[in-house]
Amino acid sequence: MRKWLTVLAVVAISAGTFAAEGWLTDFDKAKALAKEQDRHILIDFSGSDWCGWCIKLDKEVFQKQEFKDYAKENLVLLLVDWPQRSVDSKEVQAKSRPIMEQYGIQSFPTVLVLGPDGKTLAKTGYRDGGPEAYVEHIKKIIVDGKEKK
């Protein structure tokens, strides 16, 4: 089992990301894509390998097809991770630190919704109710953000 995990870690490192399908890990790419496609950015600040609420949010919402379908058509997804147990934790933390400092992130999970222009619309996190309720929550944030303009 340990050998298998080592092989997976090496493959993930060589691919340059631990992010799940559809999630970017490069903030500049996410901003450019959001501007190009006129989409909002959802940033998940996560402690993916140690934070219980982060893992719960991922399993109950982000991995569910209802969320994936909505996100695929409407959002640019960015994972800013703060792992502690993975092979490359220090490297990932070094990449994440400036973004966390920019937005004053102090706890996990924190989810930010940014407009296509990069301006913060709202800060949220884990919410009960599963993917349908979470999608409705994100839709409301986006509608409220448009109404403020």
N, C-alpha and C. Protein backbone atom coordinates (compact mmCIF):
# COMPACT_ATOMS: atom_id res chain seq x y z
N MET A 1 0.82 -1.19 0.00
CA MET A 1 0.00 0.00 0.00
C MET A 1 0.87 1.26 0.00
N ARG A 2 1.88 1.28 0.82
CA ARG A 2 2.75 2.44 0.91
C ARG A 2 3.44 2.71 -0.43
N LYS A 3 3.88 1.64 -1.09
CA LYS A 3 4.52 1.80 -2.39
C LYS A 3 3.55 2.41 -3.40
N TRP A 4 2.30 1.96 -3.38
CA TRP A 4 1.28 2.47 -4.28
C TRP A 4 1.03 3.97 -4.03
N LEU A 5 0.99 4.39 -2.77
CA LEU A 5 0.80 5.80 -2.46
C LEU A 5 1.97 6.64 -2.93
N THR A 6 3.17 6.11 -2.81
CA THR A 6 4.35 6.81 -3.29
C THR A 6 4.28 7.01 -4.80
N VAL A 7 3.86 5.97 -5.51
CA VAL A 7 3.73 6.07 -6.97
C VAL A 7 2.69 7.14 -7.32
N LEU A 8 1.56 7.16 -6.64
CA LEU A 8 0.54 8.17 -6.90
C LEU A 8 1.06 9.57 -6.64
N ALA A 9 1.80 9.74 -5.57
CA ALA A 9 2.36 11.05 -5.24
C ALA A 9 3.32 11.52 -6.33
N VAL A 10 4.16 10.64 -6.81
CA VAL A 10 5.10 10.99 -7.86
C VAL A 10 4.37 11.38 -9.14
N VAL A 11 3.34 10.64 -9.48
CA VAL A 11 2.55 10.96 -10.68
C VAL A 11 1.89 12.33 -10.52
N ALA A 12 1.33 12.59 -9.36
CA ALA A 12 0.67 13.88 -9.12
C ALA A 12 1.66 15.02 -9.19
N ILE A 13 2.83 14.84 -8.62
CA ILE A 13 3.85 15.89 -8.67
C ILE A 13 4.29 16.15 -10.10
N SER A 14 4.49 15.09 -10.85
CA SER A 14 4.93 15.28 -12.23
C SER A 14 3.84 15.93 -13.06
N ALA A 15 2.58 15.75 -12.69
CA ALA A 15 1.49 16.41 -13.40
C ALA A 15 1.37 17.87 -12.98
N GLY A 16 2.00 18.24 -11.86
CA GLY A 16 2.03 19.62 -11.41
C GLY A 16 0.82 20.04 -10.60
N THR A 17 -0.02 19.13 -10.18
CA THR A 17 -1.20 19.51 -9.43
C THR A 17 -1.77 18.34 -8.65
N PHE A 18 -2.37 18.64 -7.51
CA PHE A 18 -3.14 17.65 -6.77
C PHE A 18 -4.62 17.95 -6.93
N ALA A 19 -4.97 19.00 -7.64
CA ALA A 19 -6.35 19.42 -7.76
C ALA A 19 -7.17 18.39 -8.51
N ALA A 20 -8.41 18.29 -8.10
CA ALA A 20 -9.34 17.37 -8.76
C ALA A 20 -9.73 17.91 -10.13
N GLU A 21 -10.39 17.08 -10.87
CA GLU A 21 -10.85 17.42 -12.20
C GLU A 21 -11.59 18.77 -12.19
N GLY A 22 -11.20 19.64 -13.09
CA GLY A 22 -11.87 20.93 -13.23
C GLY A 22 -11.33 22.04 -12.35
N TRP A 23 -10.44 21.72 -11.42
CA TRP A 23 -9.90 22.72 -10.51
C TRP A 23 -8.51 23.13 -10.97
N LEU A 24 -8.29 24.43 -11.06
CA LEU A 24 -6.97 24.97 -11.35
C LEU A 24 -6.22 25.18 -10.04
N THR A 25 -4.91 25.27 -10.13
CA THR A 25 -4.10 25.61 -8.97
C THR A 25 -3.25 26.84 -9.23
N ASP A 26 -3.35 27.40 -10.41
CA ASP A 26 -2.58 28.59 -10.79
C ASP A 26 -3.52 29.80 -10.80
N PHE A 27 -3.30 30.73 -9.88
CA PHE A 27 -4.19 31.87 -9.72
C PHE A 27 -4.20 32.76 -10.96
N ASP A 28 -3.04 32.99 -11.55
CA ASP A 28 -2.98 33.83 -12.75
C ASP A 28 -3.77 33.21 -13.90
N LYS A 29 -3.67 31.90 -14.07
CA LYS A 29 -4.46 31.22 -15.11
C LYS A 29 -5.94 31.34 -14.82
N ALA A 30 -6.32 31.19 -13.57
CA ALA A 30 -7.74 31.29 -13.20
C ALA A 30 -8.28 32.68 -13.51
N LYS A 31 -7.52 33.72 -13.16
CA LYS A 31 -7.96 35.09 -13.42
C LYS A 31 -8.09 35.35 -14.92
N ALA A 32 -7.12 34.88 -15.68
CA ALA A 32 -7.15 35.09 -17.13
C ALA A 32 -8.34 34.36 -17.76
N LEU A 33 -8.58 33.14 -17.34
CA LEU A 33 -9.69 32.36 -17.87
C LEU A 33 -11.03 32.99 -17.50
N ALA A 34 -11.16 33.47 -16.27
CA ALA A 34 -12.40 34.11 -15.83
C ALA A 34 -12.68 35.36 -16.66
N LYS A 35 -11.66 36.14 -16.91
CA LYS A 35 -11.83 37.35 -17.71
C LYS A 35 -12.20 37.00 -19.15
N GLU A 36 -11.48 36.04 -19.70
CA GLU A 36 -11.71 35.61 -21.08
C GLU A 36 -13.11 35.04 -21.28
N GLN A 37 -13.59 34.24 -20.32
CA GLN A 37 -14.88 33.57 -20.44
C GLN A 37 -16.01 34.31 -19.72
N ASP A 38 -15.70 35.45 -19.10
CA ASP A 38 -16.68 36.22 -18.34
C ASP A 38 -17.39 35.34 -17.31
N ARG A 39 -16.58 34.66 -16.50
CA ARG A 39 -17.10 33.78 -15.45
C ARG A 39 -16.57 34.23 -14.09
N HIS A 40 -17.30 33.86 -13.07
CA HIS A 40 -16.88 34.12 -11.71
C HIS A 40 -15.85 33.07 -11.29
N ILE A 41 -15.03 33.43 -10.33
CA ILE A 41 -14.02 32.51 -9.78
C ILE A 41 -14.48 32.06 -8.41
N LEU A 42 -14.46 30.77 -8.18
CA LEU A 42 -14.70 30.22 -6.86
C LEU A 42 -13.36 29.69 -6.37
N ILE A 43 -12.86 30.28 -5.28
CA ILE A 43 -11.58 29.86 -4.71
C ILE A 43 -11.86 29.05 -3.45
N ASP A 44 -11.36 27.83 -3.43
CA ASP A 44 -11.47 26.97 -2.24
C ASP A 44 -10.12 26.97 -1.54
N PHE A 45 -10.05 27.65 -0.39
CA PHE A 45 -8.86 27.62 0.45
C PHE A 45 -9.04 26.42 1.37
N SER A 46 -8.18 25.41 1.19
CA SER A 46 -8.40 24.12 1.83
C SER A 46 -7.14 23.56 2.47
N GLY A 47 -7.33 22.84 3.53
CA GLY A 47 -6.30 21.98 4.10
C GLY A 47 -6.69 20.56 3.71
N SER A 48 -6.46 20.21 2.47
CA SER A 48 -7.08 19.03 1.85
C SER A 48 -6.72 17.69 2.49
N ASP A 49 -5.60 17.64 3.19
CA ASP A 49 -5.21 16.34 3.75
C ASP A 49 -5.25 16.29 5.28
N TRP A 50 -5.84 17.30 5.91
CA TRP A 50 -5.91 17.30 7.36
C TRP A 50 -7.15 17.99 7.94
N CYS A 51 -7.78 18.87 7.19
CA CYS A 51 -8.91 19.66 7.69
C CYS A 51 -10.22 18.90 7.47
N GLY A 52 -10.83 18.49 8.56
CA GLY A 52 -12.06 17.70 8.48
C GLY A 52 -13.19 18.40 7.74
N TRP A 53 -13.40 19.69 8.00
CA TRP A 53 -14.47 20.42 7.33
C TRP A 53 -14.16 20.61 5.84
N CYS A 54 -12.89 20.75 5.50
CA CYS A 54 -12.48 20.87 4.09
C CYS A 54 -12.79 19.58 3.35
N ILE A 55 -12.44 18.49 3.96
CA ILE A 55 -12.69 17.17 3.36
C ILE A 55 -14.19 16.94 3.22
N LYS A 56 -14.95 17.33 4.23
CA LYS A 56 -16.40 17.19 4.20
C LYS A 56 -17.00 18.04 3.08
N LEU A 57 -16.57 19.28 2.93
CA LEU A 57 -17.05 20.16 1.86
C LEU A 57 -16.73 19.56 0.49
N ASP A 58 -15.53 19.05 0.34
CA ASP A 58 -15.14 18.44 -0.93
C ASP A 58 -16.02 17.23 -1.25
N LYS A 59 -16.18 16.34 -0.28
CA LYS A 59 -16.96 15.11 -0.52
C LYS A 59 -18.45 15.38 -0.70
N GLU A 60 -19.00 16.28 0.12
CA GLU A 60 -20.45 16.52 0.10
C GLU A 60 -20.90 17.48 -0.99
N VAL A 61 -19.98 18.30 -1.49
CA VAL A 61 -20.38 19.31 -2.48
C VAL A 61 -19.53 19.23 -3.74
N PHE A 62 -18.24 19.51 -3.62
CA PHE A 62 -17.42 19.70 -4.80
C PHE A 62 -17.26 18.45 -5.65
N GLN A 63 -17.35 17.26 -5.06
CA GLN A 63 -17.23 16.03 -5.83
C GLN A 63 -18.56 15.55 -6.42
N LYS A 64 -19.64 16.21 -6.09
CA LYS A 64 -20.96 15.78 -6.54
C LYS A 64 -21.26 16.33 -7.95
N GLN A 65 -21.94 15.52 -8.73
CA GLN A 65 -22.21 15.88 -10.12
C GLN A 65 -23.02 17.17 -10.26
N GLU A 66 -23.94 17.42 -9.35
CA GLU A 66 -24.74 18.64 -9.42
C GLU A 66 -23.86 19.88 -9.37
N PHE A 67 -22.89 19.87 -8.47
CA PHE A 67 -21.97 21.00 -8.37
C PHE A 67 -21.08 21.05 -9.60
N LYS A 68 -20.52 19.92 -10.00
CA LYS A 68 -19.64 19.88 -11.17
C LYS A 68 -20.33 20.41 -12.42
N ASP A 69 -21.59 20.03 -12.62
CA ASP A 69 -22.32 20.49 -13.80
C ASP A 69 -22.49 22.00 -13.78
N TYR A 70 -22.88 22.54 -12.63
CA TYR A 70 -23.04 24.00 -12.53
C TYR A 70 -21.70 24.71 -12.74
N ALA A 71 -20.68 24.22 -12.07
CA ALA A 71 -19.37 24.86 -12.15
C ALA A 71 -18.81 24.83 -13.58
N LYS A 72 -18.99 23.72 -14.25
CA LYS A 72 -18.45 23.57 -15.61
C LYS A 72 -18.99 24.64 -16.54
N GLU A 73 -20.22 25.04 -16.34
CA GLU A 73 -20.87 26.02 -17.21
C GLU A 73 -20.76 27.46 -16.71
N ASN A 74 -20.43 27.64 -15.43
CA ASN A 74 -20.57 28.97 -14.85
C ASN A 74 -19.38 29.53 -14.08
N LEU A 75 -18.45 28.68 -13.66
CA LEU A 75 -17.39 29.13 -12.77
C LEU A 75 -16.01 28.74 -13.28
N VAL A 76 -15.02 29.45 -12.79
CA VAL A 76 -13.64 29.01 -12.86
C VAL A 76 -13.29 28.59 -11.44
N LEU A 77 -12.85 27.36 -11.27
CA LEU A 77 -12.56 26.80 -9.95
C LEU A 77 -11.07 26.86 -9.67
N LEU A 78 -10.72 27.36 -8.49
CA LEU A 78 -9.32 27.47 -8.08
C LEU A 78 -9.16 26.86 -6.69
N LEU A 79 -8.25 25.91 -6.57
CA LEU A 79 -7.91 25.32 -5.28
C LEU A 79 -6.62 25.94 -4.78
N VAL A 80 -6.70 26.57 -3.61
CA VAL A 80 -5.51 27.08 -2.93
C VAL A 80 -5.36 26.21 -1.69
N ASP A 81 -4.44 25.29 -1.77
CA ASP A 81 -4.33 24.24 -0.76
C ASP A 81 -3.24 24.54 0.27
N TRP A 82 -3.45 24.03 1.48
CA TRP A 82 -2.48 24.11 2.58
C TRP A 82 -2.32 22.72 3.18
N PRO A 83 -1.75 21.79 2.40
CA PRO A 83 -1.59 20.41 2.90
C PRO A 83 -0.50 20.34 3.96
N GLN A 84 -0.55 19.31 4.79
CA GLN A 84 0.47 19.10 5.81
C GLN A 84 1.11 17.73 5.74
N ARG A 85 0.47 16.79 5.03
CA ARG A 85 0.97 15.42 5.04
C ARG A 85 1.48 14.94 3.69
N SER A 86 1.27 15.69 2.64
CA SER A 86 1.66 15.22 1.32
C SER A 86 3.17 15.39 1.09
N VAL A 87 3.66 14.71 0.10
CA VAL A 87 5.09 14.71 -0.21
C VAL A 87 5.60 16.13 -0.48
N ASP A 88 4.79 16.94 -1.15
CA ASP A 88 5.23 18.28 -1.52
C ASP A 88 4.53 19.39 -0.74
N SER A 89 4.16 19.13 0.51
CA SER A 89 3.43 20.11 1.31
C SER A 89 4.10 21.47 1.35
N LYS A 90 5.40 21.50 1.58
CA LYS A 90 6.12 22.78 1.70
C LYS A 90 6.05 23.58 0.41
N GLU A 91 6.19 22.91 -0.73
CA GLU A 91 6.14 23.60 -2.02
C GLU A 91 4.74 24.15 -2.29
N VAL A 92 3.73 23.36 -1.99
CA VAL A 92 2.35 23.80 -2.20
C VAL A 92 2.04 24.97 -1.27
N GLN A 93 2.47 24.89 -0.02
CA GLN A 93 2.24 25.98 0.93
C GLN A 93 2.93 27.26 0.47
N ALA A 94 4.14 27.13 -0.07
CA ALA A 94 4.87 28.31 -0.55
C ALA A 94 4.12 28.98 -1.70
N LYS A 95 3.52 28.19 -2.55
CA LYS A 95 2.73 28.72 -3.67
C LYS A 95 1.43 29.34 -3.17
N SER A 96 0.83 28.77 -2.14
CA SER A 96 -0.45 29.22 -1.62
C SER A 96 -0.34 30.45 -0.71
N ARG A 97 0.77 30.57 -0.01
CA ARG A 97 0.93 31.63 1.01
C ARG A 97 0.61 33.03 0.49
N PRO A 98 1.15 33.47 -0.66
CA PRO A 98 0.85 34.84 -1.11
C PRO A 98 -0.63 35.09 -1.39
N ILE A 99 -1.32 34.09 -1.91
CA ILE A 99 -2.74 34.25 -2.19
C ILE A 99 -3.53 34.31 -0.89
N MET A 100 -3.16 33.47 0.06
CA MET A 100 -3.82 33.49 1.37
C MET A 100 -3.61 34.84 2.06
N GLU A 101 -2.40 35.37 1.98
CA GLU A 101 -2.11 36.66 2.59
C GLU A 101 -2.88 37.78 1.89
N GLN A 102 -2.97 37.71 0.57
CA GLN A 102 -3.68 38.73 -0.20
C GLN A 102 -5.14 38.85 0.25
N TYR A 103 -5.75 37.72 0.57
CA TYR A 103 -7.16 37.70 0.95
C TYR A 103 -7.39 37.56 2.46
N GLY A 104 -6.32 37.57 3.24
CA GLY A 104 -6.45 37.50 4.69
C GLY A 104 -7.06 36.21 5.20
N ILE A 105 -6.75 35.10 4.56
CA ILE A 105 -7.31 33.81 4.94
C ILE A 105 -6.64 33.31 6.21
N GLN A 106 -7.45 32.99 7.21
CA GLN A 106 -6.93 32.54 8.50
C GLN A 106 -7.51 31.22 8.95
N SER A 107 -8.52 30.71 8.24
CA SER A 107 -9.12 29.45 8.64
C SER A 107 -9.56 28.66 7.41
N PHE A 108 -9.78 27.38 7.63
CA PHE A 108 -10.15 26.48 6.55
C PHE A 108 -11.43 25.74 6.92
N PRO A 109 -12.28 25.42 6.00
CA PRO A 109 -12.23 25.91 4.62
C PRO A 109 -12.77 27.34 4.55
N THR A 110 -12.20 28.11 3.67
CA THR A 110 -12.74 29.41 3.30
C THR A 110 -12.96 29.37 1.80
N VAL A 111 -14.11 29.82 1.38
CA VAL A 111 -14.44 29.86 -0.04
C VAL A 111 -14.72 31.31 -0.40
N LEU A 112 -14.03 31.80 -1.42
CA LEU A 112 -14.29 33.15 -1.92
C LEU A 112 -14.93 33.04 -3.29
N VAL A 113 -15.85 33.95 -3.56
CA VAL A 113 -16.41 34.09 -4.89
C VAL A 113 -15.97 35.45 -5.41
N LEU A 114 -15.27 35.42 -6.53
CA LEU A 114 -14.79 36.65 -7.16
C LEU A 114 -15.55 36.87 -8.45
N GLY A 115 -15.74 38.12 -8.80
CA GLY A 115 -16.33 38.44 -10.08
C GLY A 115 -15.34 38.18 -11.20
N PRO A 116 -15.80 38.23 -12.45
CA PRO A 116 -14.88 38.05 -13.59
C PRO A 116 -13.76 39.09 -13.61
N ASP A 117 -14.01 40.23 -12.95
CA ASP A 117 -13.02 41.30 -12.86
C ASP A 117 -12.02 41.07 -11.72
N GLY A 118 -12.22 39.99 -10.94
CA GLY A 118 -11.32 39.66 -9.85
C GLY A 118 -11.69 40.27 -8.51
N LYS A 119 -12.76 41.05 -8.45
CA LYS A 119 -13.17 41.66 -7.19
C LYS A 119 -13.95 40.66 -6.35
N THR A 120 -13.68 40.66 -5.05
CA THR A 120 -14.34 39.74 -4.13
C THR A 120 -15.80 40.11 -3.95
N LEU A 121 -16.67 39.12 -4.18
CA LEU A 121 -18.11 39.31 -3.96
C LEU A 121 -18.53 38.82 -2.59
N ALA A 122 -17.96 37.69 -2.15
CA ALA A 122 -18.37 37.12 -0.86
C ALA A 122 -17.35 36.11 -0.36
N LYS A 123 -17.39 35.94 0.97
CA LYS A 123 -16.60 34.90 1.64
C LYS A 123 -17.59 33.95 2.28
N THR A 124 -17.37 32.66 2.09
CA THR A 124 -18.25 31.65 2.67
C THR A 124 -17.40 30.45 3.06
N GLY A 125 -18.02 29.33 3.27
CA GLY A 125 -17.29 28.13 3.66
C GLY A 125 -18.20 26.93 3.56
N TYR A 126 -18.05 26.00 4.48
CA TYR A 126 -18.91 24.82 4.49
C TYR A 126 -20.33 25.24 4.85
N ARG A 127 -21.31 24.61 4.17
CA ARG A 127 -22.73 24.83 4.48
C ARG A 127 -23.44 23.49 4.36
N ASP A 128 -24.35 23.25 5.27
CA ASP A 128 -25.17 22.04 5.19
C ASP A 128 -26.09 22.11 3.98
N GLY A 129 -26.52 20.94 3.52
CA GLY A 129 -27.53 20.91 2.47
C GLY A 129 -27.10 20.25 1.18
N GLY A 130 -25.84 19.93 1.05
CA GLY A 130 -25.37 19.24 -0.14
C GLY A 130 -25.18 20.16 -1.34
N PRO A 131 -24.95 19.56 -2.50
CA PRO A 131 -24.57 20.33 -3.68
C PRO A 131 -25.67 21.26 -4.20
N GLU A 132 -26.93 20.84 -4.13
CA GLU A 132 -28.01 21.68 -4.63
C GLU A 132 -28.08 22.98 -3.83
N ALA A 133 -28.06 22.87 -2.52
CA ALA A 133 -28.12 24.05 -1.66
C ALA A 133 -26.89 24.93 -1.86
N TYR A 134 -25.73 24.31 -2.05
CA TYR A 134 -24.51 25.08 -2.22
C TYR A 134 -24.54 25.85 -3.54
N VAL A 135 -25.01 25.20 -4.59
CA VAL A 135 -25.13 25.87 -5.89
C VAL A 135 -26.08 27.07 -5.76
N GLU A 136 -27.20 26.89 -5.09
CA GLU A 136 -28.14 28.00 -4.90
C GLU A 136 -27.48 29.14 -4.12
N HIS A 137 -26.70 28.80 -3.12
CA HIS A 137 -25.96 29.80 -2.34
C HIS A 137 -25.00 30.59 -3.24
N ILE A 138 -24.27 29.89 -4.09
CA ILE A 138 -23.32 30.56 -5.00
C ILE A 138 -24.07 31.42 -6.00
N LYS A 139 -25.18 30.92 -6.54
CA LYS A 139 -26.00 31.70 -7.48
C LYS A 139 -26.48 33.00 -6.82
N LYS A 140 -26.90 32.92 -5.58
CA LYS A 140 -27.37 34.12 -4.87
C LYS A 140 -26.23 35.12 -4.68
N ILE A 141 -25.05 34.63 -4.35
CA ILE A 141 -23.88 35.52 -4.21
C ILE A 141 -23.64 36.25 -5.52
N ILE A 142 -23.71 35.54 -6.62
CA ILE A 142 -23.45 36.14 -7.93
C ILE A 142 -24.52 37.16 -8.30
N VAL A 143 -25.78 36.82 -8.07
CA VAL A 143 -26.88 37.75 -8.37
C VAL A 143 -26.76 38.99 -7.50
N ASP A 144 -26.50 38.81 -6.20
CA ASP A 144 -26.34 39.96 -5.30
C ASP A 144 -25.16 40.82 -5.73
N GLY A 145 -24.09 40.19 -6.20
CA GLY A 145 -22.93 40.95 -6.68
C GLY A 145 -23.23 41.77 -7.92
N LYS A 146 -24.04 41.23 -8.80
CA LYS A 146 -24.43 41.98 -10.01
C LYS A 146 -25.34 43.15 -9.67
N GLU A 147 -26.20 42.96 -8.67
CA GLU A 147 -27.12 44.02 -8.28
C GLU A 147 -26.39 45.19 -7.61
N LYS A 148 -25.25 44.93 -7.00
CA LYS A 148 -24.48 45.99 -6.33
C LYS A 148 -23.76 46.89 -7.33
N LYS A 149 -23.58 46.41 -8.54
CA LYS A 149 -22.83 47.21 -9.54
C LYS A 149 -23.63 48.38 -10.05
